[in-house]
C-alpha cells in the first residue's frame, strides 16, 4: 500500500487563524487530490463515495460527530444537515486527512502527542491547551467530566479513572483520559492518539484537531 508521506506542513498554528495563505495552500492541495481516483481515496479514508455522474461525486463521512459531504473533484466540504460550508480551517483539516490517509489499520495502542513524529517539540504547549484546560475546568468533578464527554459524543473506555473515545474521522480516533486527584495532588487529563495517527494527519494538524475536541467537550459541560 502506497502512503502519501509528509504532504507539507500544516499551514496555520491556531484554530480560526485562516487567511489568504491558508486558502491558497488548501486550493493547491485540492488540485493534487483531484488527480487521485475517488474509489482509492474512499478506501484509504474510510469515507463512503457516491458517484453522481461522469467524473463527479460526493464523499460522505463523520467528522467529530458531524455528518460531512465532501464534493469530488473540487473537495469542498459542507455539513450534511445544513448544506453550510465549513470554515476554512476545518476545510483544511479535511483536505489534509484525505491527502495523508493511506488506509493503515488502527495500531491498537494509545500514544501521547509527544510520541507523534515532530510532536515532541510542541508537546508542552499541546498539553497546556488540551489536557490542562480540562483539568482546570473539572478539577475533582469526575461525574461532570464524564457527562461533558458523553454530551460531546464520546464513548466510555476502561482507562485511568475515566476515559472517553471520540471518532474524529472514520479511521482516526482520539482518547481523553481523566485521572482523579486528591487533597495532595490535582486531577490531570491527557489527550491521546492511536499510534497510527501519523498515517492520517501531520502532527500540526493533530494539534488543531485535539484543540477542537477539547473545546467541544468544554462547550458540552454543564453550567455548573
N, C-alpha and C. Protein backbone atom coordinates (compact mmCIF):
# COMPACT_ATOMS: atom_id res chain seq x y z
N UNK A 1 0.83 -1.19 0.00
CA UNK A 1 0.00 0.00 0.00
C UNK A 1 0.87 1.24 0.00
N UNK A 2 0.68 2.12 -0.97
CA UNK A 2 1.49 3.33 -1.06
C UNK A 2 0.97 4.37 -0.09
N UNK A 3 1.86 5.00 0.61
CA UNK A 3 1.50 6.03 1.56
C UNK A 3 1.97 7.39 1.07
N UNK A 4 1.09 8.40 1.18
CA UNK A 4 1.46 9.76 0.80
C UNK A 4 2.09 10.42 2.01
N UNK A 5 3.39 10.31 2.17
CA UNK A 5 4.06 10.78 3.38
C UNK A 5 4.32 12.28 3.33
N UNK A 6 4.20 12.90 4.50
CA UNK A 6 4.59 14.29 4.72
C UNK A 6 4.18 15.23 3.60
N UNK A 7 2.86 15.45 3.40
CA UNK A 7 2.40 16.28 2.29
C UNK A 7 2.57 17.77 2.54
N UNK A 8 3.61 18.17 3.21
CA UNK A 8 3.98 19.52 3.63
C UNK A 8 3.34 19.86 4.97
N UNK A 9 3.88 20.86 5.61
CA UNK A 9 3.43 21.22 6.95
C UNK A 9 2.06 21.87 6.90
N UNK A 10 1.34 21.69 8.00
CA UNK A 10 0.01 22.27 8.11
C UNK A 10 0.15 23.78 8.10
N UNK A 11 -0.68 24.52 7.32
CA UNK A 11 -0.39 25.93 7.04
C UNK A 11 -0.88 26.94 8.07
N UNK A 12 -1.20 26.54 9.29
CA UNK A 12 -1.54 27.51 10.30
C UNK A 12 -1.34 26.90 11.67
N UNK A 13 -1.28 27.75 12.69
CA UNK A 13 -0.94 27.29 14.03
C UNK A 13 -2.12 27.27 14.97
N UNK A 14 -3.07 28.16 14.81
CA UNK A 14 -4.16 28.25 15.78
C UNK A 14 -5.50 28.20 15.07
N UNK A 15 -6.46 27.57 15.74
CA UNK A 15 -7.80 27.47 15.19
C UNK A 15 -8.36 28.87 14.93
N UNK A 16 -8.94 29.03 13.76
CA UNK A 16 -9.57 30.30 13.44
C UNK A 16 -8.65 31.29 12.75
N UNK A 17 -7.34 31.06 12.76
CA UNK A 17 -6.41 31.98 12.13
C UNK A 17 -6.23 31.60 10.67
N UNK A 18 -7.30 31.81 9.91
CA UNK A 18 -7.28 31.47 8.50
C UNK A 18 -7.14 32.75 7.68
N UNK A 19 -6.53 32.62 6.53
CA UNK A 19 -6.36 33.79 5.69
C UNK A 19 -6.04 33.37 4.27
N UNK A 20 -5.66 34.32 3.42
CA UNK A 20 -5.37 34.01 2.02
C UNK A 20 -4.30 32.93 1.85
N UNK A 21 -3.28 32.93 2.70
CA UNK A 21 -2.21 31.93 2.56
C UNK A 21 -2.76 30.53 2.79
N UNK A 22 -3.60 30.38 3.80
CA UNK A 22 -4.21 29.08 4.07
C UNK A 22 -5.09 28.65 2.91
N UNK A 23 -5.96 29.54 2.45
CA UNK A 23 -6.88 29.19 1.38
C UNK A 23 -6.14 28.85 0.10
N UNK A 24 -5.06 29.58 -0.18
CA UNK A 24 -4.27 29.29 -1.37
C UNK A 24 -3.62 27.92 -1.29
N UNK A 25 -3.08 27.60 -0.10
CA UNK A 25 -2.43 26.30 0.08
C UNK A 25 -3.43 25.17 -0.02
N UNK A 26 -4.59 25.35 0.57
CA UNK A 26 -5.62 24.30 0.51
C UNK A 26 -6.10 24.10 -0.92
N UNK A 27 -6.26 25.17 -1.68
CA UNK A 27 -6.65 25.03 -3.08
C UNK A 27 -5.61 24.24 -3.86
N UNK A 28 -4.33 24.46 -3.55
CA UNK A 28 -3.26 23.70 -4.21
C UNK A 28 -3.39 22.21 -3.89
N UNK A 29 -3.67 21.90 -2.63
CA UNK A 29 -3.79 20.50 -2.24
C UNK A 29 -5.05 19.86 -2.80
N UNK A 30 -6.11 20.65 -2.95
CA UNK A 30 -7.32 20.13 -3.61
C UNK A 30 -6.98 19.69 -5.04
N UNK A 31 -6.14 20.47 -5.71
CA UNK A 31 -5.74 20.09 -7.06
C UNK A 31 -4.99 18.77 -7.08
N UNK A 32 -4.15 18.52 -6.08
CA UNK A 32 -3.44 17.25 -6.00
C UNK A 32 -4.41 16.10 -5.76
N UNK A 33 -5.38 16.33 -4.90
CA UNK A 33 -6.35 15.27 -4.61
C UNK A 33 -7.21 14.93 -5.82
N UNK A 34 -7.50 15.92 -6.65
CA UNK A 34 -8.37 15.68 -7.80
C UNK A 34 -7.75 14.70 -8.81
N UNK A 35 -6.44 14.46 -8.70
CA UNK A 35 -5.76 13.53 -9.61
C UNK A 35 -5.82 12.09 -9.12
N UNK A 36 -6.33 11.88 -7.91
CA UNK A 36 -6.39 10.53 -7.33
C UNK A 36 -7.79 9.95 -7.52
N UNK A 37 -7.92 8.71 -7.99
CA UNK A 37 -9.25 8.11 -8.18
C UNK A 37 -10.07 8.15 -6.89
N UNK A 38 -11.34 8.53 -6.97
CA UNK A 38 -12.14 8.66 -5.76
C UNK A 38 -12.32 7.35 -5.00
N UNK A 39 -12.38 6.24 -5.71
CA UNK A 39 -12.54 4.96 -5.02
C UNK A 39 -11.30 4.63 -4.19
N UNK A 40 -10.13 5.05 -4.66
CA UNK A 40 -8.90 4.84 -3.90
C UNK A 40 -8.92 5.70 -2.64
N UNK A 41 -9.36 6.95 -2.78
CA UNK A 41 -9.46 7.83 -1.62
C UNK A 41 -10.46 7.30 -0.60
N UNK A 42 -11.57 6.78 -1.08
CA UNK A 42 -12.58 6.22 -0.17
C UNK A 42 -12.00 5.05 0.62
N UNK A 43 -11.24 4.21 -0.06
CA UNK A 43 -10.64 3.07 0.63
C UNK A 43 -9.62 3.49 1.66
N UNK A 44 -8.86 4.52 1.37
CA UNK A 44 -7.84 4.98 2.31
C UNK A 44 -8.43 5.69 3.52
N UNK A 45 -9.48 6.46 3.30
CA UNK A 45 -10.02 7.32 4.36
C UNK A 45 -11.15 6.68 5.15
N UNK A 46 -11.80 5.66 4.59
CA UNK A 46 -12.97 5.08 5.24
C UNK A 46 -14.26 5.82 4.93
N UNK A 47 -14.21 6.80 4.04
CA UNK A 47 -15.42 7.53 3.65
C UNK A 47 -16.21 6.72 2.62
N UNK A 48 -17.51 6.95 2.57
CA UNK A 48 -18.35 6.35 1.53
C UNK A 48 -18.36 7.29 0.33
N UNK A 49 -18.26 6.71 -0.87
CA UNK A 49 -18.25 7.53 -2.08
C UNK A 49 -19.51 7.28 -2.88
N UNK A 50 -20.19 8.38 -3.24
CA UNK A 50 -21.40 8.32 -4.05
C UNK A 50 -21.11 8.93 -5.42
N UNK A 51 -21.20 8.11 -6.46
CA UNK A 51 -20.98 8.58 -7.83
C UNK A 51 -22.22 9.33 -8.30
N UNK A 52 -22.02 10.57 -8.76
CA UNK A 52 -23.14 11.40 -9.22
C UNK A 52 -23.17 11.58 -10.72
N UNK A 53 -22.13 11.17 -11.39
CA UNK A 53 -22.04 11.34 -12.84
C UNK A 53 -20.62 11.12 -13.28
N UNK A 54 -20.35 11.33 -14.54
CA UNK A 54 -19.02 11.12 -15.07
C UNK A 54 -18.02 12.05 -14.40
N UNK A 55 -17.11 11.49 -13.61
CA UNK A 55 -16.04 12.26 -13.00
C UNK A 55 -16.46 13.18 -11.86
N UNK A 56 -17.63 12.95 -11.29
CA UNK A 56 -18.03 13.78 -10.15
C UNK A 56 -18.82 12.94 -9.15
N UNK A 57 -18.73 13.34 -7.89
CA UNK A 57 -19.42 12.59 -6.86
C UNK A 57 -19.26 13.26 -5.51
N UNK A 58 -19.58 12.52 -4.45
CA UNK A 58 -19.51 13.03 -3.09
C UNK A 58 -18.95 11.97 -2.15
N UNK A 59 -18.13 12.41 -1.23
CA UNK A 59 -17.71 11.56 -0.11
C UNK A 59 -18.60 11.89 1.09
N UNK A 60 -19.05 10.85 1.78
CA UNK A 60 -19.87 11.02 2.98
C UNK A 60 -19.15 10.36 4.15
N UNK A 61 -19.00 11.10 5.24
CA UNK A 61 -18.32 10.57 6.42
C UNK A 61 -18.65 11.45 7.62
N UNK A 62 -18.19 11.03 8.79
CA UNK A 62 -18.42 11.79 10.02
C UNK A 62 -17.12 12.38 10.51
N UNK A 63 -17.18 13.65 10.89
CA UNK A 63 -16.03 14.38 11.40
C UNK A 63 -16.43 14.97 12.75
N UNK A 64 -15.84 14.43 13.84
CA UNK A 64 -16.17 14.88 15.19
C UNK A 64 -17.68 14.96 15.40
N UNK A 65 -18.36 13.87 15.10
CA UNK A 65 -19.79 13.72 15.36
C UNK A 65 -20.68 14.55 14.44
N UNK A 66 -20.10 15.11 13.37
CA UNK A 66 -20.87 15.87 12.39
C UNK A 66 -20.81 15.17 11.04
N UNK A 67 -21.96 14.96 10.42
CA UNK A 67 -22.01 14.32 9.10
C UNK A 67 -21.56 15.33 8.04
N UNK A 68 -20.61 14.91 7.22
CA UNK A 68 -19.97 15.79 6.24
C UNK A 68 -20.21 15.28 4.82
N UNK A 69 -20.40 16.20 3.90
CA UNK A 69 -20.41 15.90 2.47
C UNK A 69 -19.22 16.64 1.85
N UNK A 70 -18.36 15.90 1.18
CA UNK A 70 -17.17 16.47 0.53
C UNK A 70 -17.25 16.18 -0.96
N UNK A 71 -17.30 17.23 -1.76
CA UNK A 71 -17.50 17.06 -3.19
C UNK A 71 -16.24 16.58 -3.90
N UNK A 72 -16.46 15.86 -4.98
CA UNK A 72 -15.37 15.42 -5.85
C UNK A 72 -15.70 15.88 -7.27
N UNK A 73 -14.75 16.50 -8.00
CA UNK A 73 -13.31 16.55 -7.75
C UNK A 73 -12.80 17.84 -7.11
N UNK A 74 -13.71 18.74 -6.64
CA UNK A 74 -13.21 20.03 -6.14
C UNK A 74 -12.95 20.04 -4.64
N UNK A 75 -13.45 19.05 -3.88
CA UNK A 75 -13.12 18.88 -2.46
C UNK A 75 -13.51 20.09 -1.62
N UNK A 76 -14.78 20.45 -1.70
CA UNK A 76 -15.35 21.46 -0.83
C UNK A 76 -16.33 20.77 0.11
N UNK A 77 -16.23 21.08 1.41
CA UNK A 77 -16.98 20.37 2.43
C UNK A 77 -18.14 21.20 2.97
N UNK A 78 -19.27 20.52 3.19
CA UNK A 78 -20.43 21.14 3.83
C UNK A 78 -20.93 20.20 4.92
N UNK A 79 -21.64 20.78 5.90
CA UNK A 79 -22.32 19.97 6.90
C UNK A 79 -23.56 19.37 6.25
N UNK A 80 -23.74 18.05 6.35
CA UNK A 80 -24.84 17.38 5.66
C UNK A 80 -26.20 17.89 6.11
N UNK A 81 -26.32 18.28 7.37
CA UNK A 81 -27.62 18.67 7.90
C UNK A 81 -28.08 20.04 7.43
N UNK A 82 -27.14 20.91 7.07
CA UNK A 82 -27.50 22.29 6.73
C UNK A 82 -27.04 22.73 5.35
N UNK A 83 -26.16 21.97 4.72
CA UNK A 83 -25.52 22.36 3.45
C UNK A 83 -24.64 23.60 3.61
N UNK A 84 -24.35 24.00 4.85
CA UNK A 84 -23.50 25.18 5.07
C UNK A 84 -22.03 24.81 4.89
N UNK A 85 -21.26 25.61 4.15
CA UNK A 85 -19.83 25.34 4.00
C UNK A 85 -19.11 25.38 5.35
N UNK A 86 -18.14 24.52 5.54
CA UNK A 86 -17.35 24.53 6.76
C UNK A 86 -16.36 25.70 6.74
N UNK A 87 -15.96 26.19 7.92
CA UNK A 87 -14.94 27.24 7.97
C UNK A 87 -13.64 26.78 7.32
N UNK A 88 -12.81 27.74 6.95
CA UNK A 88 -11.59 27.44 6.19
C UNK A 88 -10.67 26.48 6.92
N UNK A 89 -10.51 26.63 8.26
CA UNK A 89 -9.57 25.77 8.96
C UNK A 89 -10.08 24.33 9.02
N UNK A 90 -11.41 24.14 9.05
CA UNK A 90 -11.96 22.79 9.01
C UNK A 90 -11.82 22.20 7.61
N UNK A 91 -12.04 23.02 6.59
CA UNK A 91 -11.81 22.56 5.22
C UNK A 91 -10.38 22.07 5.08
N UNK A 92 -9.44 22.80 5.68
CA UNK A 92 -8.03 22.42 5.60
C UNK A 92 -7.79 21.07 6.27
N UNK A 93 -8.37 20.85 7.45
CA UNK A 93 -8.20 19.58 8.14
C UNK A 93 -8.69 18.41 7.29
N UNK A 94 -9.85 18.60 6.65
CA UNK A 94 -10.41 17.52 5.84
C UNK A 94 -9.53 17.23 4.63
N UNK A 95 -9.03 18.28 3.99
CA UNK A 95 -8.15 18.09 2.84
C UNK A 95 -6.88 17.35 3.25
N UNK A 96 -6.32 17.74 4.39
CA UNK A 96 -5.11 17.05 4.86
C UNK A 96 -5.39 15.60 5.22
N UNK A 97 -6.55 15.33 5.81
CA UNK A 97 -6.91 13.95 6.12
C UNK A 97 -6.98 13.12 4.85
N UNK A 98 -7.61 13.64 3.82
CA UNK A 98 -7.73 12.89 2.56
C UNK A 98 -6.38 12.77 1.86
N UNK A 99 -5.52 13.76 2.01
CA UNK A 99 -4.22 13.72 1.34
C UNK A 99 -3.26 12.75 2.03
N UNK A 100 -3.27 12.73 3.35
CA UNK A 100 -2.30 11.93 4.09
C UNK A 100 -2.74 10.49 4.31
N UNK A 101 -4.06 10.23 4.32
CA UNK A 101 -4.56 8.89 4.66
C UNK A 101 -4.00 7.83 3.72
N UNK A 102 -3.56 6.71 4.31
CA UNK A 102 -3.06 5.61 3.50
C UNK A 102 -3.79 4.30 3.80
N UNK A 103 -4.84 4.36 4.64
CA UNK A 103 -5.61 3.17 4.93
C UNK A 103 -5.02 2.25 5.98
N UNK A 104 -3.99 2.69 6.68
CA UNK A 104 -3.36 1.86 7.71
C UNK A 104 -4.38 1.50 8.79
N UNK A 105 -4.36 0.26 9.28
CA UNK A 105 -5.30 -0.12 10.34
C UNK A 105 -4.92 0.51 11.66
N UNK A 106 -5.86 0.60 12.61
CA UNK A 106 -5.51 1.11 13.94
C UNK A 106 -4.40 0.28 14.56
N UNK A 107 -3.48 0.96 15.25
CA UNK A 107 -2.37 0.25 15.88
C UNK A 107 -2.82 -0.48 17.14
N UNK A 108 -3.90 0.02 17.75
CA UNK A 108 -4.43 -0.64 18.94
C UNK A 108 -3.77 -0.21 20.23
N UNK A 109 -2.92 0.81 20.19
CA UNK A 109 -2.35 1.35 21.42
C UNK A 109 -2.33 2.87 21.34
N UNK A 110 -2.49 3.50 22.51
CA UNK A 110 -2.61 4.94 22.59
C UNK A 110 -1.26 5.58 22.91
N UNK A 111 -0.99 6.70 22.25
CA UNK A 111 0.27 7.41 22.46
C UNK A 111 -0.03 8.88 22.71
N UNK A 112 0.90 9.56 23.33
CA UNK A 112 0.76 10.99 23.58
C UNK A 112 1.13 11.77 22.33
N UNK A 113 0.82 13.06 22.35
CA UNK A 113 1.21 13.93 21.24
C UNK A 113 2.72 13.94 21.06
N UNK A 114 3.46 13.85 22.17
CA UNK A 114 4.93 13.85 22.10
C UNK A 114 5.47 12.66 21.33
N UNK A 115 4.70 11.57 21.26
CA UNK A 115 5.16 10.37 20.57
C UNK A 115 4.89 10.39 19.07
N UNK A 116 4.15 11.40 18.59
CA UNK A 116 3.91 11.52 17.16
C UNK A 116 5.15 12.11 16.48
N UNK A 117 5.37 11.80 15.21
CA UNK A 117 6.51 12.41 14.50
C UNK A 117 6.44 13.93 14.60
N UNK A 118 7.50 14.56 15.05
CA UNK A 118 7.63 16.01 15.24
C UNK A 118 6.77 16.54 16.38
N UNK A 119 6.11 15.66 17.13
CA UNK A 119 5.22 16.12 18.19
C UNK A 119 5.92 16.58 19.44
N UNK A 120 7.11 16.05 19.72
CA UNK A 120 7.77 16.36 20.98
C UNK A 120 8.08 17.86 21.12
N UNK A 121 8.36 18.53 20.03
CA UNK A 121 8.71 19.95 20.08
C UNK A 121 7.55 20.78 20.62
N UNK A 122 6.31 20.37 20.29
CA UNK A 122 5.13 21.15 20.67
C UNK A 122 4.35 20.52 21.81
N UNK A 123 4.87 19.46 22.43
CA UNK A 123 4.07 18.68 23.36
C UNK A 123 3.67 19.46 24.61
N UNK A 124 4.55 20.31 25.13
CA UNK A 124 4.22 21.08 26.33
C UNK A 124 3.08 22.05 26.04
N UNK A 125 3.17 22.75 24.92
CA UNK A 125 2.09 23.66 24.54
C UNK A 125 0.80 22.91 24.30
N UNK A 126 0.89 21.76 23.64
CA UNK A 126 -0.31 20.97 23.35
C UNK A 126 -1.00 20.55 24.65
N UNK A 127 -0.22 20.06 25.62
CA UNK A 127 -0.81 19.67 26.90
C UNK A 127 -1.46 20.88 27.58
N UNK A 128 -0.87 22.05 27.42
CA UNK A 128 -1.40 23.25 28.05
C UNK A 128 -2.79 23.60 27.58
N UNK A 129 -3.05 23.50 26.25
CA UNK A 129 -4.38 23.90 25.76
C UNK A 129 -5.32 22.71 25.54
N UNK A 130 -4.90 21.51 25.94
CA UNK A 130 -5.82 20.36 25.86
C UNK A 130 -6.06 19.80 27.26
N UNK A 131 -5.21 18.90 27.72
CA UNK A 131 -5.43 18.24 29.00
C UNK A 131 -5.48 19.19 30.18
N UNK A 132 -4.59 20.19 30.20
CA UNK A 132 -4.57 21.12 31.33
C UNK A 132 -5.85 21.95 31.39
N UNK A 133 -6.41 22.30 30.23
CA UNK A 133 -7.66 23.04 30.22
C UNK A 133 -8.80 22.22 30.81
N UNK A 134 -8.85 20.93 30.47
CA UNK A 134 -9.87 20.06 31.05
C UNK A 134 -9.68 19.92 32.55
N UNK A 135 -8.44 19.72 32.99
CA UNK A 135 -8.18 19.54 34.42
C UNK A 135 -8.56 20.79 35.21
N UNK A 136 -8.29 21.98 34.66
CA UNK A 136 -8.66 23.22 35.34
C UNK A 136 -10.16 23.39 35.42
N UNK A 137 -10.86 22.89 34.41
CA UNK A 137 -12.31 23.05 34.37
C UNK A 137 -13.01 22.07 35.31
N UNK A 138 -12.61 20.80 35.28
CA UNK A 138 -13.36 19.77 36.02
C UNK A 138 -12.77 19.45 37.39
N UNK A 139 -11.49 19.72 37.60
CA UNK A 139 -10.84 19.53 38.90
C UNK A 139 -11.19 18.16 39.49
N UNK A 140 -11.92 18.13 40.60
CA UNK A 140 -12.26 16.87 41.27
C UNK A 140 -13.63 16.34 40.85
N UNK A 141 -14.24 16.97 39.85
CA UNK A 141 -15.60 16.63 39.45
C UNK A 141 -15.59 15.59 38.33
N UNK A 142 -15.32 14.36 38.70
CA UNK A 142 -15.26 13.28 37.72
C UNK A 142 -16.59 13.11 36.99
N UNK A 143 -17.71 13.18 37.72
CA UNK A 143 -19.02 13.00 37.09
C UNK A 143 -19.30 14.07 36.05
N UNK A 144 -18.88 15.30 36.33
CA UNK A 144 -19.08 16.39 35.37
C UNK A 144 -18.23 16.16 34.13
N UNK A 145 -17.00 15.67 34.33
CA UNK A 145 -16.15 15.34 33.19
C UNK A 145 -16.82 14.27 32.31
N UNK A 146 -17.32 13.22 32.95
CA UNK A 146 -17.96 12.13 32.19
C UNK A 146 -19.19 12.63 31.44
N UNK A 147 -20.00 13.45 32.09
CA UNK A 147 -21.21 13.96 31.45
C UNK A 147 -20.86 14.81 30.23
N UNK A 148 -19.84 15.67 30.36
CA UNK A 148 -19.44 16.53 29.25
C UNK A 148 -18.93 15.70 28.07
N UNK A 149 -18.11 14.69 28.37
CA UNK A 149 -17.58 13.85 27.30
C UNK A 149 -18.70 13.09 26.59
N UNK A 150 -19.66 12.58 27.34
CA UNK A 150 -20.78 11.88 26.71
C UNK A 150 -21.61 12.84 25.86
N UNK A 151 -21.84 14.05 26.37
CA UNK A 151 -22.60 15.04 25.61
C UNK A 151 -21.87 15.45 24.34
N UNK A 152 -20.54 15.34 24.35
CA UNK A 152 -19.73 15.71 23.18
C UNK A 152 -19.57 14.56 22.19
N UNK A 153 -20.20 13.41 22.48
CA UNK A 153 -20.17 12.30 21.54
C UNK A 153 -19.15 11.22 21.85
N UNK A 154 -18.56 11.25 23.05
CA UNK A 154 -17.57 10.24 23.41
C UNK A 154 -18.19 8.94 23.89
N UNK A 155 -17.43 7.86 23.76
CA UNK A 155 -17.83 6.54 24.25
C UNK A 155 -16.89 6.13 25.37
N UNK A 156 -17.44 5.68 26.52
CA UNK A 156 -16.58 5.35 27.65
C UNK A 156 -15.65 4.18 27.36
N UNK A 157 -14.43 4.28 27.87
CA UNK A 157 -13.39 3.28 27.70
C UNK A 157 -12.76 3.03 29.07
N UNK A 158 -12.37 1.80 29.34
CA UNK A 158 -11.72 1.48 30.60
C UNK A 158 -10.26 1.90 30.55
N UNK A 159 -9.98 3.06 31.16
CA UNK A 159 -8.63 3.63 31.11
C UNK A 159 -8.58 4.72 32.17
N UNK A 160 -7.55 4.74 33.02
CA UNK A 160 -7.46 5.75 34.07
C UNK A 160 -8.66 5.67 35.00
N UNK A 161 -9.03 6.81 35.57
CA UNK A 161 -10.23 6.88 36.41
C UNK A 161 -11.48 7.10 35.57
N UNK A 162 -11.30 7.64 34.39
CA UNK A 162 -12.38 7.80 33.41
C UNK A 162 -11.73 8.13 32.08
N UNK A 163 -12.32 7.63 31.00
CA UNK A 163 -11.77 7.91 29.68
C UNK A 163 -12.87 7.77 28.64
N UNK A 164 -12.76 8.56 27.57
CA UNK A 164 -13.76 8.54 26.51
C UNK A 164 -13.06 8.57 25.15
N UNK A 165 -13.58 7.75 24.28
CA UNK A 165 -13.05 7.63 22.92
C UNK A 165 -13.92 8.44 21.98
N UNK A 166 -13.29 9.18 21.08
CA UNK A 166 -14.00 10.03 20.13
C UNK A 166 -13.57 9.66 18.71
N UNK A 167 -14.54 9.48 17.83
CA UNK A 167 -14.25 9.23 16.43
C UNK A 167 -14.06 10.57 15.73
N UNK A 168 -12.81 10.97 15.54
CA UNK A 168 -12.53 12.24 14.88
C UNK A 168 -12.80 12.13 13.39
N UNK A 169 -12.29 11.07 12.77
CA UNK A 169 -12.51 10.74 11.36
C UNK A 169 -12.82 9.25 11.28
N UNK A 170 -13.27 8.77 10.12
CA UNK A 170 -13.60 7.34 10.04
C UNK A 170 -12.47 6.41 10.46
N UNK A 171 -11.23 6.78 10.23
CA UNK A 171 -10.10 5.91 10.57
C UNK A 171 -9.17 6.54 11.62
N UNK A 172 -9.69 7.49 12.37
CA UNK A 172 -8.83 8.18 13.34
C UNK A 172 -9.61 8.50 14.60
N UNK A 173 -9.26 7.81 15.70
CA UNK A 173 -9.90 8.03 17.00
C UNK A 173 -8.96 8.77 17.94
N UNK A 174 -9.56 9.50 18.88
CA UNK A 174 -8.83 10.17 19.95
C UNK A 174 -9.36 9.66 21.29
N UNK A 175 -8.52 9.71 22.31
CA UNK A 175 -8.91 9.27 23.64
C UNK A 175 -8.59 10.38 24.64
N UNK A 176 -9.59 10.73 25.46
CA UNK A 176 -9.40 11.71 26.52
C UNK A 176 -9.46 10.98 27.85
N UNK A 177 -8.39 11.11 28.65
CA UNK A 177 -8.25 10.34 29.90
C UNK A 177 -8.22 11.29 31.08
N UNK A 178 -8.94 10.90 32.13
CA UNK A 178 -9.02 11.69 33.37
C UNK A 178 -8.49 10.87 34.52
N UNK A 179 -7.57 11.46 35.28
CA UNK A 179 -7.04 10.83 36.49
C UNK A 179 -7.46 11.69 37.69
N UNK A 180 -8.26 11.12 38.55
CA UNK A 180 -8.79 11.85 39.70
C UNK A 180 -7.70 12.13 40.72
N UNK A 181 -7.62 13.38 41.15
CA UNK A 181 -6.62 13.76 42.14
C UNK A 181 -7.11 13.54 43.56
N UNK A 182 -6.37 14.08 44.49
CA UNK A 182 -6.76 14.01 45.90
C UNK A 182 -6.36 15.33 46.56
N UNK A 183 -6.35 15.36 47.88
CA UNK A 183 -6.06 16.62 48.57
C UNK A 183 -4.61 17.06 48.41
N UNK A 184 -3.75 16.14 47.97
CA UNK A 184 -2.34 16.48 47.79
C UNK A 184 -1.96 16.73 46.33
N UNK A 185 -2.64 16.06 45.42
CA UNK A 185 -2.30 16.16 44.00
C UNK A 185 -3.56 16.48 43.19
N UNK A 186 -3.47 17.45 42.28
CA UNK A 186 -4.64 17.82 41.48
C UNK A 186 -4.98 16.74 40.45
N UNK A 187 -6.21 16.75 39.99
CA UNK A 187 -6.60 15.87 38.89
C UNK A 187 -5.84 16.25 37.63
N UNK A 188 -5.63 15.27 36.77
CA UNK A 188 -4.94 15.51 35.50
C UNK A 188 -5.74 14.89 34.36
N UNK A 189 -5.58 15.47 33.19
CA UNK A 189 -6.23 14.95 31.98
C UNK A 189 -5.19 14.92 30.86
N UNK A 190 -5.42 14.02 29.92
CA UNK A 190 -4.50 13.91 28.78
C UNK A 190 -5.28 13.47 27.55
N UNK A 191 -4.91 14.03 26.41
CA UNK A 191 -5.49 13.63 25.14
C UNK A 191 -4.49 12.72 24.42
N UNK A 192 -4.95 11.53 24.04
CA UNK A 192 -4.08 10.54 23.40
C UNK A 192 -4.56 10.22 21.99
N UNK A 193 -3.65 9.70 21.19
CA UNK A 193 -3.91 9.34 19.80
C UNK A 193 -3.62 7.85 19.61
N UNK A 194 -4.37 7.21 18.72
CA UNK A 194 -3.94 5.89 18.29
C UNK A 194 -2.58 6.04 17.62
N UNK A 195 -1.70 5.05 17.81
CA UNK A 195 -0.34 5.15 17.29
C UNK A 195 -0.28 5.25 15.77
N UNK A 196 -1.39 4.99 15.09
CA UNK A 196 -1.43 5.10 13.63
C UNK A 196 -1.76 6.52 13.16
N UNK A 197 -1.89 7.48 14.07
CA UNK A 197 -2.37 8.82 13.72
C UNK A 197 -1.56 9.48 12.62
N UNK A 198 -0.25 9.25 12.60
CA UNK A 198 0.59 9.92 11.59
C UNK A 198 0.32 9.41 10.18
N UNK A 199 -0.40 8.31 10.05
CA UNK A 199 -0.81 7.82 8.73
C UNK A 199 -1.99 8.63 8.20
N UNK A 200 -2.56 9.51 9.03
CA UNK A 200 -3.77 10.22 8.65
C UNK A 200 -3.68 11.73 8.73
N UNK A 201 -2.83 12.25 9.60
CA UNK A 201 -2.64 13.70 9.69
C UNK A 201 -1.21 14.00 10.13
N UNK A 202 -0.63 15.11 9.66
CA UNK A 202 0.66 15.55 10.21
C UNK A 202 0.47 16.04 11.63
N UNK A 203 1.55 16.15 12.38
CA UNK A 203 1.47 16.48 13.80
C UNK A 203 0.78 17.82 14.05
N UNK A 204 1.08 18.83 13.25
CA UNK A 204 0.47 20.14 13.47
C UNK A 204 -1.04 20.09 13.27
N UNK A 205 -1.50 19.27 12.33
CA UNK A 205 -2.94 19.11 12.14
C UNK A 205 -3.54 18.33 13.30
N UNK A 206 -2.81 17.35 13.83
CA UNK A 206 -3.27 16.63 15.02
C UNK A 206 -3.45 17.59 16.19
N UNK A 207 -2.57 18.58 16.30
CA UNK A 207 -2.69 19.57 17.36
C UNK A 207 -3.97 20.37 17.22
N UNK A 208 -4.29 20.80 16.01
CA UNK A 208 -5.51 21.55 15.77
C UNK A 208 -6.73 20.68 16.06
N UNK A 209 -6.68 19.43 15.63
CA UNK A 209 -7.79 18.51 15.87
C UNK A 209 -8.00 18.31 17.37
N UNK A 210 -6.91 18.13 18.10
CA UNK A 210 -7.02 17.97 19.55
C UNK A 210 -7.63 19.19 20.21
N UNK A 211 -7.22 20.38 19.81
CA UNK A 211 -7.78 21.60 20.35
C UNK A 211 -9.27 21.69 20.07
N UNK A 212 -9.68 21.33 18.87
CA UNK A 212 -11.10 21.35 18.52
C UNK A 212 -11.90 20.42 19.41
N UNK A 213 -11.37 19.22 19.66
CA UNK A 213 -12.09 18.27 20.51
C UNK A 213 -12.23 18.80 21.93
N UNK A 214 -11.16 19.35 22.49
CA UNK A 214 -11.22 19.86 23.85
C UNK A 214 -12.26 20.97 23.95
N UNK A 215 -12.28 21.88 22.98
CA UNK A 215 -13.27 22.95 23.00
C UNK A 215 -14.69 22.40 22.89
N UNK A 216 -14.85 21.34 22.15
CA UNK A 216 -16.17 20.70 22.02
C UNK A 216 -16.62 20.14 23.37
N UNK A 217 -15.70 19.50 24.09
CA UNK A 217 -16.02 18.96 25.41
C UNK A 217 -16.36 20.08 26.39
N UNK A 218 -15.58 21.15 26.38
CA UNK A 218 -15.83 22.26 27.29
C UNK A 218 -17.18 22.92 27.00
N UNK A 219 -17.54 23.02 25.72
CA UNK A 219 -18.85 23.59 25.39
C UNK A 219 -19.98 22.69 25.87
N UNK A 220 -19.70 21.37 25.91
CA UNK A 220 -20.73 20.41 26.31
C UNK A 220 -20.88 20.31 27.82
N UNK A 221 -19.96 20.94 28.57
CA UNK A 221 -20.02 20.88 30.03
C UNK A 221 -21.25 21.60 30.54
N UNK A 222 -21.78 21.13 31.64
CA UNK A 222 -22.94 21.78 32.24
C UNK A 222 -22.54 23.12 32.81
N UNK A 223 -23.50 24.06 33.00
CA UNK A 223 -23.17 25.39 33.53
C UNK A 223 -22.45 25.34 34.86
N UNK A 224 -22.69 24.30 35.64
CA UNK A 224 -22.03 24.20 36.94
C UNK A 224 -20.56 23.87 36.80
